[in-house]
Amino acid sequence: MTNVIDGTQLGPVGQEIVYENDRVRVWHIRLEPGERQPLHRHDHPYLVVAIEGAKNVVQTVDGTRIDADEPTGGVVYRDPGAVHMLTNVGDTTYLARLVELK
């Protein structure tokens, strides 16, 4: 696993690991309106649980923009391999738990 892609340093999946064992890793993610999570990579399949939903945009490493409205209480599953950044483009705080499945 490398933390650099095309000369760009990748950031962590979330701001803080709140739980981890040999099967899962749970990240805390909080983005205020206008705040962006750095470019990062998902090496494991994962679930995102929106505790406080927001209007987000995913921008992939190749420049693709994906609208990702995440309602409060919503859950999504994603396959591994994605390299992207997440921006809260709404006017509410986004709070989520991201559960990586090892």
N, C-alpha and C. Protein backbone atom coordinates (compact mmCIF):
# COMPACT_ATOMS: atom_id res chain seq x y z
N MET A 1 0.85 -1.18 0.00
CA MET A 1 0.00 0.00 0.00
C MET A 1 0.89 1.24 0.00
N THR A 2 0.67 2.10 -0.95
CA THR A 2 1.41 3.35 -1.00
C THR A 2 0.51 4.50 -0.59
N ASN A 3 1.09 5.52 0.02
CA ASN A 3 0.32 6.69 0.43
C ASN A 3 0.53 7.86 -0.51
N VAL A 4 1.09 7.59 -1.70
CA VAL A 4 1.34 8.64 -2.68
C VAL A 4 0.83 8.15 -4.04
N ILE A 5 0.09 9.00 -4.73
CA ILE A 5 -0.37 8.70 -6.09
C ILE A 5 0.00 9.89 -6.97
N ASP A 6 0.75 9.61 -8.04
CA ASP A 6 1.17 10.66 -8.98
C ASP A 6 1.79 11.86 -8.25
N GLY A 7 2.59 11.57 -7.23
CA GLY A 7 3.28 12.62 -6.49
C GLY A 7 2.43 13.32 -5.44
N THR A 8 1.16 12.91 -5.30
CA THR A 8 0.26 13.52 -4.31
C THR A 8 0.18 12.64 -3.08
N GLN A 9 0.46 13.23 -1.93
CA GLN A 9 0.35 12.52 -0.66
C GLN A 9 -1.13 12.29 -0.34
N LEU A 10 -1.50 11.05 -0.02
CA LEU A 10 -2.88 10.74 0.34
C LEU A 10 -3.10 10.94 1.83
N GLY A 11 -4.28 11.37 2.18
CA GLY A 11 -4.65 11.55 3.57
C GLY A 11 -5.33 10.31 4.11
N PRO A 12 -5.73 10.34 5.38
CA PRO A 12 -6.45 9.23 5.98
C PRO A 12 -7.90 9.19 5.51
N VAL A 13 -8.54 8.05 5.73
CA VAL A 13 -9.94 7.86 5.34
C VAL A 13 -10.88 8.76 6.15
N GLY A 14 -10.54 9.01 7.41
CA GLY A 14 -11.35 9.86 8.28
C GLY A 14 -10.45 10.64 9.21
N GLN A 15 -11.08 11.36 10.13
CA GLN A 15 -10.28 12.16 11.07
C GLN A 15 -9.72 11.35 12.23
N GLU A 16 -10.43 10.29 12.63
CA GLU A 16 -10.01 9.55 13.81
C GLU A 16 -10.55 8.13 13.74
N ILE A 17 -9.73 7.16 14.15
CA ILE A 17 -10.20 5.78 14.29
C ILE A 17 -10.84 5.68 15.67
N VAL A 18 -12.13 5.31 15.71
CA VAL A 18 -12.84 5.22 16.98
C VAL A 18 -12.96 3.79 17.48
N TYR A 19 -12.69 2.80 16.61
CA TYR A 19 -12.70 1.39 17.00
C TYR A 19 -11.96 0.60 15.95
N GLU A 20 -11.22 -0.42 16.40
CA GLU A 20 -10.55 -1.30 15.45
C GLU A 20 -10.28 -2.64 16.10
N ASN A 21 -10.50 -3.71 15.31
CA ASN A 21 -10.07 -5.04 15.68
C ASN A 21 -9.58 -5.73 14.42
N ASP A 22 -9.43 -7.06 14.45
CA ASP A 22 -8.88 -7.75 13.29
C ASP A 22 -9.86 -7.86 12.13
N ARG A 23 -11.13 -7.47 12.30
CA ARG A 23 -12.13 -7.59 11.25
C ARG A 23 -12.67 -6.26 10.72
N VAL A 24 -12.67 -5.22 11.55
CA VAL A 24 -13.21 -3.92 11.13
C VAL A 24 -12.36 -2.78 11.66
N ARG A 25 -12.46 -1.64 11.00
CA ARG A 25 -11.89 -0.38 11.48
C ARG A 25 -12.98 0.67 11.29
N VAL A 26 -13.28 1.42 12.34
CA VAL A 26 -14.36 2.41 12.30
C VAL A 26 -13.75 3.80 12.41
N TRP A 27 -14.04 4.64 11.41
CA TRP A 27 -13.53 6.01 11.35
C TRP A 27 -14.63 6.99 11.71
N HIS A 28 -14.26 8.07 12.37
CA HIS A 28 -15.12 9.23 12.61
C HIS A 28 -14.85 10.23 11.49
N ILE A 29 -15.92 10.72 10.87
CA ILE A 29 -15.80 11.75 9.83
C ILE A 29 -16.75 12.89 10.18
N ARG A 30 -16.21 14.09 10.19
CA ARG A 30 -17.02 15.29 10.43
C ARG A 30 -16.54 16.37 9.46
N LEU A 31 -17.47 16.90 8.68
CA LEU A 31 -17.16 17.98 7.75
C LEU A 31 -18.16 19.11 7.94
N GLU A 32 -17.66 20.27 8.24
CA GLU A 32 -18.50 21.46 8.33
C GLU A 32 -18.85 21.92 6.90
N PRO A 33 -19.88 22.73 6.73
CA PRO A 33 -20.20 23.24 5.39
C PRO A 33 -18.97 23.86 4.73
N GLY A 34 -18.70 23.44 3.50
CA GLY A 34 -17.54 23.93 2.75
C GLY A 34 -16.24 23.21 3.04
N GLU A 35 -16.21 22.35 4.05
CA GLU A 35 -14.98 21.65 4.42
C GLU A 35 -14.78 20.43 3.51
N ARG A 36 -13.51 20.12 3.25
CA ARG A 36 -13.13 19.03 2.35
C ARG A 36 -12.24 18.04 3.08
N GLN A 37 -12.53 16.78 2.84
CA GLN A 37 -11.66 15.70 3.31
C GLN A 37 -10.56 15.54 2.26
N PRO A 38 -9.31 15.31 2.68
CA PRO A 38 -8.23 15.22 1.69
C PRO A 38 -8.37 14.00 0.78
N LEU A 39 -7.65 14.04 -0.33
CA LEU A 39 -7.59 12.91 -1.23
C LEU A 39 -7.12 11.68 -0.46
N HIS A 40 -7.85 10.58 -0.58
CA HIS A 40 -7.53 9.36 0.16
C HIS A 40 -7.95 8.14 -0.66
N ARG A 41 -7.50 6.97 -0.22
CA ARG A 41 -7.82 5.72 -0.93
C ARG A 41 -8.50 4.75 0.03
N HIS A 42 -9.45 4.00 -0.50
CA HIS A 42 -10.12 2.95 0.27
C HIS A 42 -9.55 1.60 -0.15
N ASP A 43 -8.80 0.98 0.75
CA ASP A 43 -8.18 -0.32 0.47
C ASP A 43 -9.06 -1.49 0.87
N HIS A 44 -10.17 -1.21 1.56
CA HIS A 44 -11.09 -2.26 2.02
C HIS A 44 -12.51 -1.89 1.61
N PRO A 45 -13.40 -2.89 1.45
CA PRO A 45 -14.81 -2.55 1.29
C PRO A 45 -15.28 -1.84 2.54
N TYR A 46 -16.31 -0.99 2.41
CA TYR A 46 -16.72 -0.21 3.57
C TYR A 46 -18.19 0.20 3.51
N LEU A 47 -18.71 0.52 4.69
CA LEU A 47 -20.04 1.07 4.86
C LEU A 47 -19.90 2.48 5.40
N VAL A 48 -20.76 3.38 4.95
CA VAL A 48 -20.83 4.72 5.53
C VAL A 48 -22.20 4.88 6.16
N VAL A 49 -22.21 5.25 7.44
CA VAL A 49 -23.45 5.49 8.18
C VAL A 49 -23.50 6.98 8.48
N ALA A 50 -24.48 7.67 7.90
CA ALA A 50 -24.62 9.11 8.09
C ALA A 50 -25.38 9.38 9.39
N ILE A 51 -24.69 9.89 10.38
CA ILE A 51 -25.31 10.23 11.66
C ILE A 51 -26.04 11.57 11.53
N GLU A 52 -25.38 12.52 10.88
CA GLU A 52 -26.00 13.79 10.49
C GLU A 52 -25.72 13.97 9.01
N GLY A 53 -26.74 13.86 8.20
CA GLY A 53 -26.57 13.90 6.76
C GLY A 53 -26.24 15.28 6.23
N ALA A 54 -25.77 15.30 4.99
CA ALA A 54 -25.42 16.56 4.32
C ALA A 54 -25.39 16.33 2.82
N LYS A 55 -25.28 17.42 2.10
CA LYS A 55 -25.12 17.37 0.64
C LYS A 55 -23.63 17.37 0.37
N ASN A 56 -23.12 16.25 -0.13
CA ASN A 56 -21.69 16.09 -0.38
C ASN A 56 -21.40 15.89 -1.86
N VAL A 57 -20.17 16.15 -2.22
CA VAL A 57 -19.67 15.87 -3.57
C VAL A 57 -18.40 15.06 -3.44
N VAL A 58 -18.33 13.97 -4.21
CA VAL A 58 -17.13 13.15 -4.29
C VAL A 58 -16.41 13.56 -5.57
N GLN A 59 -15.10 13.82 -5.46
CA GLN A 59 -14.30 14.08 -6.65
C GLN A 59 -13.22 13.03 -6.71
N THR A 60 -13.23 12.23 -7.78
CA THR A 60 -12.28 11.14 -7.92
C THR A 60 -10.92 11.66 -8.39
N VAL A 61 -9.92 10.82 -8.26
CA VAL A 61 -8.56 11.21 -8.63
C VAL A 61 -8.47 11.59 -10.11
N ASP A 62 -9.35 11.04 -10.95
CA ASP A 62 -9.33 11.37 -12.37
C ASP A 62 -10.20 12.58 -12.71
N GLY A 63 -10.76 13.24 -11.67
CA GLY A 63 -11.51 14.47 -11.89
C GLY A 63 -13.02 14.31 -12.01
N THR A 64 -13.52 13.08 -11.95
CA THR A 64 -14.96 12.86 -12.02
C THR A 64 -15.63 13.41 -10.77
N ARG A 65 -16.73 14.12 -10.96
CA ARG A 65 -17.50 14.70 -9.85
C ARG A 65 -18.80 13.91 -9.70
N ILE A 66 -19.08 13.48 -8.46
CA ILE A 66 -20.27 12.68 -8.18
C ILE A 66 -21.03 13.34 -7.04
N ASP A 67 -22.30 13.71 -7.29
CA ASP A 67 -23.14 14.23 -6.22
C ASP A 67 -23.46 13.09 -5.27
N ALA A 68 -23.27 13.31 -3.97
CA ALA A 68 -23.46 12.26 -2.97
C ALA A 68 -24.26 12.81 -1.80
N ASP A 69 -25.55 13.04 -2.05
CA ASP A 69 -26.42 13.47 -0.96
C ASP A 69 -26.55 12.29 0.01
N GLU A 70 -26.27 12.56 1.27
CA GLU A 70 -26.33 11.50 2.28
C GLU A 70 -27.32 11.93 3.36
N PRO A 71 -28.53 11.33 3.37
CA PRO A 71 -29.53 11.71 4.36
C PRO A 71 -29.17 11.18 5.75
N THR A 72 -29.61 11.88 6.76
CA THR A 72 -29.41 11.43 8.13
C THR A 72 -29.98 10.02 8.28
N GLY A 73 -29.18 9.12 8.85
CA GLY A 73 -29.60 7.73 9.03
C GLY A 73 -29.33 6.84 7.84
N GLY A 74 -28.89 7.41 6.73
CA GLY A 74 -28.62 6.62 5.53
C GLY A 74 -27.38 5.76 5.68
N VAL A 75 -27.38 4.64 4.98
CA VAL A 75 -26.24 3.72 4.98
C VAL A 75 -25.94 3.36 3.53
N VAL A 76 -24.66 3.43 3.14
CA VAL A 76 -24.25 3.01 1.80
C VAL A 76 -23.06 2.06 1.91
N TYR A 77 -22.98 1.14 0.96
CA TYR A 77 -21.86 0.20 0.86
C TYR A 77 -21.04 0.59 -0.36
N ARG A 78 -19.72 0.52 -0.23
CA ARG A 78 -18.83 0.82 -1.36
C ARG A 78 -17.73 -0.25 -1.45
N ASP A 79 -17.39 -0.59 -2.67
CA ASP A 79 -16.27 -1.51 -2.91
C ASP A 79 -14.94 -0.79 -2.70
N PRO A 80 -13.87 -1.54 -2.45
CA PRO A 80 -12.55 -0.92 -2.26
C PRO A 80 -11.98 -0.40 -3.58
N GLY A 81 -10.90 0.38 -3.44
CA GLY A 81 -10.15 0.83 -4.61
C GLY A 81 -10.34 2.28 -4.95
N ALA A 82 -11.38 2.91 -4.44
CA ALA A 82 -11.66 4.30 -4.79
C ALA A 82 -10.58 5.23 -4.23
N VAL A 83 -10.15 6.19 -5.06
CA VAL A 83 -9.27 7.27 -4.63
C VAL A 83 -10.03 8.55 -4.92
N HIS A 84 -10.38 9.28 -3.85
CA HIS A 84 -11.21 10.47 -4.02
C HIS A 84 -11.09 11.40 -2.83
N MET A 85 -11.74 12.55 -2.95
CA MET A 85 -11.90 13.46 -1.82
C MET A 85 -13.40 13.74 -1.69
N LEU A 86 -13.80 14.13 -0.49
CA LEU A 86 -15.20 14.40 -0.21
C LEU A 86 -15.34 15.83 0.28
N THR A 87 -16.29 16.57 -0.29
CA THR A 87 -16.54 17.95 0.11
C THR A 87 -18.00 18.10 0.53
N ASN A 88 -18.21 18.74 1.67
CA ASN A 88 -19.56 19.07 2.12
C ASN A 88 -19.95 20.38 1.44
N VAL A 89 -20.83 20.29 0.44
CA VAL A 89 -21.25 21.47 -0.30
C VAL A 89 -22.59 22.01 0.20
N GLY A 90 -23.12 21.40 1.25
CA GLY A 90 -24.39 21.83 1.80
C GLY A 90 -24.20 22.88 2.88
N ASP A 91 -25.28 23.12 3.62
CA ASP A 91 -25.23 24.13 4.68
C ASP A 91 -25.43 23.52 6.07
N THR A 92 -25.25 22.20 6.18
CA THR A 92 -25.34 21.51 7.47
C THR A 92 -24.04 20.74 7.72
N THR A 93 -23.74 20.49 8.97
CA THR A 93 -22.57 19.68 9.34
C THR A 93 -22.81 18.22 8.95
N TYR A 94 -21.81 17.59 8.37
CA TYR A 94 -21.86 16.18 8.02
C TYR A 94 -21.12 15.40 9.09
N LEU A 95 -21.77 14.40 9.65
CA LEU A 95 -21.17 13.55 10.66
C LEU A 95 -21.47 12.10 10.30
N ALA A 96 -20.42 11.28 10.21
CA ALA A 96 -20.61 9.89 9.79
C ALA A 96 -19.63 8.97 10.47
N ARG A 97 -19.95 7.69 10.44
CA ARG A 97 -19.03 6.62 10.80
C ARG A 97 -18.80 5.81 9.54
N LEU A 98 -17.54 5.58 9.22
CA LEU A 98 -17.17 4.78 8.07
C LEU A 98 -16.58 3.48 8.63
N VAL A 99 -17.17 2.35 8.25
CA VAL A 99 -16.77 1.05 8.76
C VAL A 99 -16.06 0.28 7.66
N GLU A 100 -14.74 0.13 7.79
CA GLU A 100 -13.97 -0.66 6.83
C GLU A 100 -14.05 -2.12 7.23
N LEU A 101 -14.30 -2.99 6.26
CA LEU A 101 -14.37 -4.43 6.48
C LEU A 101 -13.05 -5.04 6.04
N LYS A 102 -12.28 -5.51 6.98
CA LYS A 102 -10.92 -6.03 6.67
C LYS A 102 -10.98 -7.42 6.08
